[in-house]
Amino acid sequence: MDNAAIEFLSLLKNRSSQQIRDAFVQLDDSAKKHVLEWLFKQSSNPEVYSDMQGLSVLLIDGDSIPTGFMSSLVEEDRFAFFYLALQSKQLLQMQNHQGNTLLHLMFANPKKTTPPFNFIRSLLLFERNEDIAKCLTVRNQQGLTPIETYLAHHASLAPIATPEMGALIGLMEAEKSRRASVDLNNLGLILKHLCHVHGKTTLLNAKHRLILLGAYFNYSESDIEQRIHAALF
């Protein structure tokens, strides 16, 4: 941790909320990241979790998240800790240099065999979070929504567990309720990418992914298979 972050943390016990906010704003992005990381690490103690989370809301609400910090929030525990801060500042729809929101990054995270669909679905249902609902329709620079990004770019073609499958279908329905129609051009782009990465034979055997593609783009599994067979890629 750099000296600026250490000096800032020493202020927490004897300064007002506004003074703490003002001091945080003056830090550079590196020091801000160190401070936020420290809060998250302290939150591993259940007795101070709420206090640390409250401080994260105070700091981020008075400023924003530092450049490059968004990509570190793709893990569920980190997302959950900073969720209130992101919500208060309406940062869930914030996009990085590639146009990706946190949902894009979470759904394509190669470190996770299955993205946290159930977790996100729970936030959408129980928190009545309109920000998450809106985020489902945001397109990145490739023109892909978070769910389309999962269908195209998640490395694992393995079937996902039934609870996560149900949650993903629920998220698809939530997205559909907020847009006029799917972009069928994206189906072709996704199939082309998947064939390039995995090969036609492997993709045709990935029945689970074909079913999800069909569910999202309103096609049957056989329709998806025919498109793969007929494709010139």
Protein backbone atom coordinates (compact mmCIF):
# COMPACT_ATOMS: atom_id res chain seq x y z
CA MET A 1 0.00 0.00 0.00
CA ASP A 2 1.39 3.41 -0.92
CA ASN A 3 2.00 6.24 1.56
CA ALA A 4 -0.96 8.32 0.36
CA ALA A 5 -3.38 5.46 1.04
CA ILE A 6 -1.86 4.80 4.48
CA GLU A 7 -2.14 8.48 5.36
CA PHE A 8 -5.75 8.55 4.23
CA LEU A 9 -6.70 5.50 6.31
CA SER A 10 -5.27 7.20 9.38
CA LEU A 11 -7.97 9.87 8.98
CA LEU A 12 -10.91 7.50 9.31
CA LYS A 13 -11.13 7.54 13.10
CA ASN A 14 -11.15 11.28 13.75
CA ARG A 15 -12.53 13.08 10.70
CA SER A 16 -16.06 13.90 9.62
CA SER A 17 -17.72 12.14 6.71
CA GLN A 18 -17.28 15.19 4.50
CA GLN A 19 -13.60 15.50 5.39
CA ILE A 20 -13.09 11.82 4.58
CA ARG A 21 -14.84 12.26 1.25
CA ASP A 22 -12.80 15.34 0.40
CA ALA A 23 -9.54 13.57 1.26
CA PHE A 24 -10.45 10.55 -0.88
CA VAL A 25 -11.18 12.73 -3.91
CA GLN A 26 -7.64 14.14 -3.68
CA LEU A 27 -5.99 10.71 -3.96
CA ASP A 28 -4.71 9.38 -7.28
CA ASP A 29 -6.29 6.25 -8.75
CA SER A 30 -3.61 3.94 -7.37
CA ALA A 31 -4.14 5.14 -3.80
CA LYS A 32 -7.94 4.96 -4.22
CA LYS A 33 -7.65 1.32 -5.31
CA HIS A 34 -5.53 0.53 -2.25
CA VAL A 35 -8.08 2.14 0.06
CA LEU A 36 -11.01 0.28 -1.49
CA GLU A 37 -9.07 -3.00 -1.41
CA TRP A 38 -8.34 -2.42 2.28
CA LEU A 39 -12.04 -1.89 3.02
CA PHE A 40 -12.92 -5.10 1.20
CA LYS A 41 -10.28 -7.11 3.05
CA GLN A 42 -11.47 -5.79 6.41
CA SER A 43 -15.01 -6.85 5.52
CA SER A 44 -13.98 -10.50 5.89
CA ASN A 45 -14.74 -9.89 9.58
CA PRO A 46 -18.56 -10.12 9.82
CA GLU A 47 -18.61 -7.72 12.77
CA VAL A 48 -17.34 -4.83 10.65
CA TYR A 49 -18.78 -5.80 7.25
CA SER A 50 -21.58 -3.23 7.36
CA ASP A 51 -19.23 -0.50 8.55
CA MET A 52 -16.73 -1.19 5.77
CA GLN A 53 -19.49 -1.37 3.19
CA GLY A 54 -20.89 1.92 4.46
CA LEU A 55 -17.48 3.53 4.07
CA SER A 56 -17.24 2.25 0.49
CA VAL A 57 -20.61 3.90 -0.25
CA LEU A 58 -19.43 7.14 1.36
CA LEU A 59 -16.23 7.24 -0.70
CA ILE A 60 -17.58 6.13 -4.06
CA ASP A 61 -20.75 8.20 -3.76
CA GLY A 62 -18.60 11.28 -3.18
CA ASP A 63 -16.36 10.53 -6.14
CA SER A 64 -16.46 7.40 -8.33
CA ILE A 65 -14.57 4.16 -8.71
CA PRO A 66 -10.94 4.58 -9.83
CA THR A 67 -9.92 3.80 -13.38
CA GLY A 68 -9.39 0.08 -13.91
CA PHE A 69 -11.10 -0.95 -10.67
CA MET A 70 -14.28 -2.18 -12.36
CA SER A 71 -12.62 -5.33 -13.73
CA SER A 72 -11.77 -6.43 -10.17
CA LEU A 73 -15.46 -6.60 -9.23
CA VAL A 74 -16.38 -9.62 -11.36
CA GLU A 75 -16.22 -12.02 -8.39
CA GLU A 76 -19.51 -12.38 -6.51
CA ASP A 77 -18.16 -11.51 -3.06
CA ARG A 78 -16.50 -8.33 -4.32
CA PHE A 79 -19.54 -7.35 -6.39
CA ALA A 80 -21.82 -7.92 -3.39
CA PHE A 81 -19.61 -5.81 -1.11
CA PHE A 82 -19.45 -2.83 -3.50
CA TYR A 83 -23.00 -3.29 -4.80
CA LEU A 84 -24.56 -0.57 -2.64
CA ALA A 85 -21.85 1.88 -3.66
CA LEU A 86 -22.31 1.07 -7.35
CA GLN A 87 -26.07 1.41 -6.99
CA SER A 88 -25.89 4.73 -5.15
CA LYS A 89 -23.71 6.21 -7.87
CA GLN A 90 -25.63 4.45 -10.69
CA LEU A 91 -22.43 2.80 -11.90
CA LEU A 92 -23.89 -0.57 -12.87
CA GLN A 93 -24.31 0.66 -16.44
CA MET A 94 -20.85 2.22 -16.58
CA GLN A 95 -18.86 0.92 -19.57
CA ASN A 96 -15.12 0.38 -19.92
CA HIS A 97 -13.00 1.17 -22.98
CA GLN A 98 -14.53 -1.83 -24.80
CA GLY A 99 -18.05 -0.82 -23.93
CA ASN A 100 -18.43 -3.63 -21.39
CA THR A 101 -20.46 -3.21 -18.22
CA LEU A 102 -19.84 -5.26 -15.09
CA LEU A 103 -22.44 -7.78 -16.31
CA HIS A 104 -20.55 -8.23 -19.59
CA LEU A 105 -17.36 -8.91 -17.62
CA MET A 106 -19.04 -11.23 -15.12
CA PHE A 107 -20.86 -13.29 -17.75
CA ALA A 108 -17.69 -13.79 -19.83
CA ASN A 109 -15.33 -14.34 -16.88
CA PRO A 110 -13.12 -17.31 -17.93
CA LYS A 111 -12.30 -18.07 -14.29
CA LYS A 112 -15.89 -19.14 -13.66
CA THR A 113 -17.20 -22.37 -15.18
CA THR A 114 -20.68 -20.92 -14.71
CA PRO A 115 -21.36 -17.19 -14.44
CA PRO A 116 -23.35 -16.04 -11.37
CA PHE A 117 -26.74 -15.95 -13.09
CA ASN A 118 -28.62 -16.95 -9.94
CA PHE A 119 -26.90 -14.23 -7.93
CA ILE A 120 -27.75 -11.52 -10.49
CA ARG A 121 -31.29 -12.83 -10.91
CA SER A 122 -31.77 -12.67 -7.12
CA LEU A 123 -30.65 -9.03 -7.06
CA LEU A 124 -33.04 -8.26 -9.90
CA LEU A 125 -35.99 -9.95 -8.19
CA PHE A 126 -35.54 -9.15 -4.53
CA GLU A 127 -33.92 -5.73 -4.82
CA ARG A 128 -36.28 -4.68 -7.63
CA ASN A 129 -33.17 -3.25 -9.20
CA GLU A 130 -34.04 -1.33 -12.34
CA ASP A 131 -30.34 -0.55 -12.88
CA ILE A 132 -29.57 -4.24 -13.36
CA ALA A 133 -32.57 -4.63 -15.63
CA LYS A 134 -31.34 -1.74 -17.78
CA CYS A 135 -27.81 -3.13 -17.74
CA LEU A 136 -29.05 -6.32 -19.40
CA THR A 137 -29.86 -4.31 -22.55
CA VAL A 138 -26.59 -2.35 -22.79
CA ARG A 139 -24.53 -3.24 -25.87
CA ASN A 140 -20.74 -3.19 -25.93
CA GLN A 141 -18.56 -2.13 -28.86
CA GLN A 142 -19.23 -5.49 -30.52
CA GLY A 143 -22.94 -4.73 -30.31
CA LEU A 144 -23.50 -7.53 -27.78
CA THR A 145 -25.63 -7.48 -24.64
CA PRO A 146 -24.26 -9.19 -21.50
CA ILE A 147 -26.19 -12.40 -22.24
CA GLU A 148 -25.05 -12.38 -25.89
CA THR A 149 -21.50 -11.91 -24.60
CA TYR A 150 -21.91 -15.04 -22.47
CA LEU A 151 -23.31 -17.02 -25.40
CA ALA A 152 -20.46 -15.92 -27.67
CA HIS A 153 -17.43 -15.65 -25.44
CA HIS A 154 -17.72 -17.79 -22.33
CA ALA A 155 -15.03 -20.41 -22.74
CA SER A 156 -16.95 -23.35 -21.29
CA LEU A 157 -19.56 -25.10 -23.43
CA ALA A 158 -20.40 -27.49 -20.59
CA PRO A 159 -23.99 -27.65 -19.33
CA ILE A 160 -24.79 -25.41 -16.38
CA ALA A 161 -26.65 -26.54 -13.27
CA THR A 162 -30.45 -26.38 -13.27
CA PRO A 163 -30.74 -23.43 -10.81
CA GLU A 164 -28.32 -21.35 -12.88
CA MET A 165 -30.08 -22.43 -16.09
CA GLY A 166 -33.42 -21.27 -14.70
CA ALA A 167 -31.88 -17.99 -13.57
CA LEU A 168 -30.37 -17.39 -17.02
CA ILE A 169 -33.72 -18.00 -18.71
CA GLY A 170 -35.25 -15.55 -16.23
CA LEU A 171 -32.64 -12.93 -17.13
CA MET A 172 -33.37 -13.51 -20.82
CA GLU A 173 -37.04 -12.83 -20.16
CA ALA A 174 -36.18 -9.70 -18.17
CA GLU A 175 -34.08 -8.44 -21.07
CA LYS A 176 -36.75 -9.25 -23.65
CA SER A 177 -39.33 -7.27 -21.69
CA ARG A 178 -37.19 -4.15 -22.11
CA ARG A 179 -36.40 -4.29 -25.84
CA ALA A 180 -38.44 -4.56 -29.01
CA SER A 181 -36.67 -7.57 -30.53
CA VAL A 182 -33.40 -9.50 -30.71
CA ASP A 183 -30.73 -8.56 -33.24
CA LEU A 184 -30.63 -11.61 -35.51
CA ASN A 185 -27.39 -10.40 -37.09
CA ASN A 186 -25.79 -11.12 -33.74
CA LEU A 187 -26.82 -14.76 -33.97
CA GLY A 188 -24.71 -15.11 -37.10
CA LEU A 189 -21.79 -13.30 -35.47
CA ILE A 190 -22.01 -15.49 -32.38
CA LEU A 191 -22.17 -18.73 -34.37
CA LYS A 192 -19.24 -17.62 -36.52
CA HIS A 193 -17.17 -16.86 -33.44
CA LEU A 194 -18.07 -20.13 -31.70
CA CYS A 195 -17.24 -22.16 -34.82
CA HIS A 196 -13.92 -20.36 -35.15
CA VAL A 197 -12.98 -21.03 -31.52
CA HIS A 198 -14.41 -24.52 -31.00
CA GLY A 199 -15.04 -25.91 -34.50
CA LYS A 200 -18.39 -26.87 -36.04
CA THR A 201 -18.36 -30.45 -34.78
CA THR A 202 -17.71 -29.45 -31.18
CA LEU A 203 -20.35 -26.74 -31.32
CA LEU A 204 -22.95 -29.09 -32.82
CA ASN A 205 -22.30 -31.49 -29.94
CA ALA A 206 -22.69 -28.70 -27.38
CA LYS A 207 -26.45 -29.24 -27.18
CA HIS A 208 -26.80 -27.15 -24.05
CA ARG A 209 -25.37 -24.05 -25.74
CA LEU A 210 -27.55 -24.61 -28.81
CA ILE A 211 -30.64 -24.75 -26.61
CA LEU A 212 -29.66 -21.48 -24.92
CA LEU A 213 -28.99 -19.81 -28.28
CA GLY A 214 -32.41 -20.97 -29.45
CA ALA A 215 -34.10 -19.71 -26.31
CA TYR A 216 -32.48 -16.30 -26.62
CA PHE A 217 -33.03 -15.81 -30.36
CA ASN A 218 -36.44 -17.54 -30.49
CA TYR A 219 -35.33 -20.50 -32.59
CA SER A 220 -35.53 -24.24 -32.06
CA GLU A 221 -32.40 -26.27 -31.46
CA SER A 222 -32.76 -27.80 -34.93
CA ASP A 223 -32.94 -24.32 -36.48
CA ILE A 224 -29.67 -23.41 -34.81
CA GLU A 225 -28.09 -26.66 -36.01
CA GLN A 226 -29.22 -25.97 -39.60
CA ARG A 227 -27.67 -22.51 -39.47
CA ILE A 228 -24.37 -24.00 -38.33
CA HIS A 229 -24.42 -26.66 -41.06
CA ALA A 230 -25.26 -24.08 -43.75
CA ALA A 231 -22.73 -21.51 -42.63
CA LEU A 232 -19.65 -20.90 -44.81
CA PHE A 233 -17.32 -20.31 -41.87
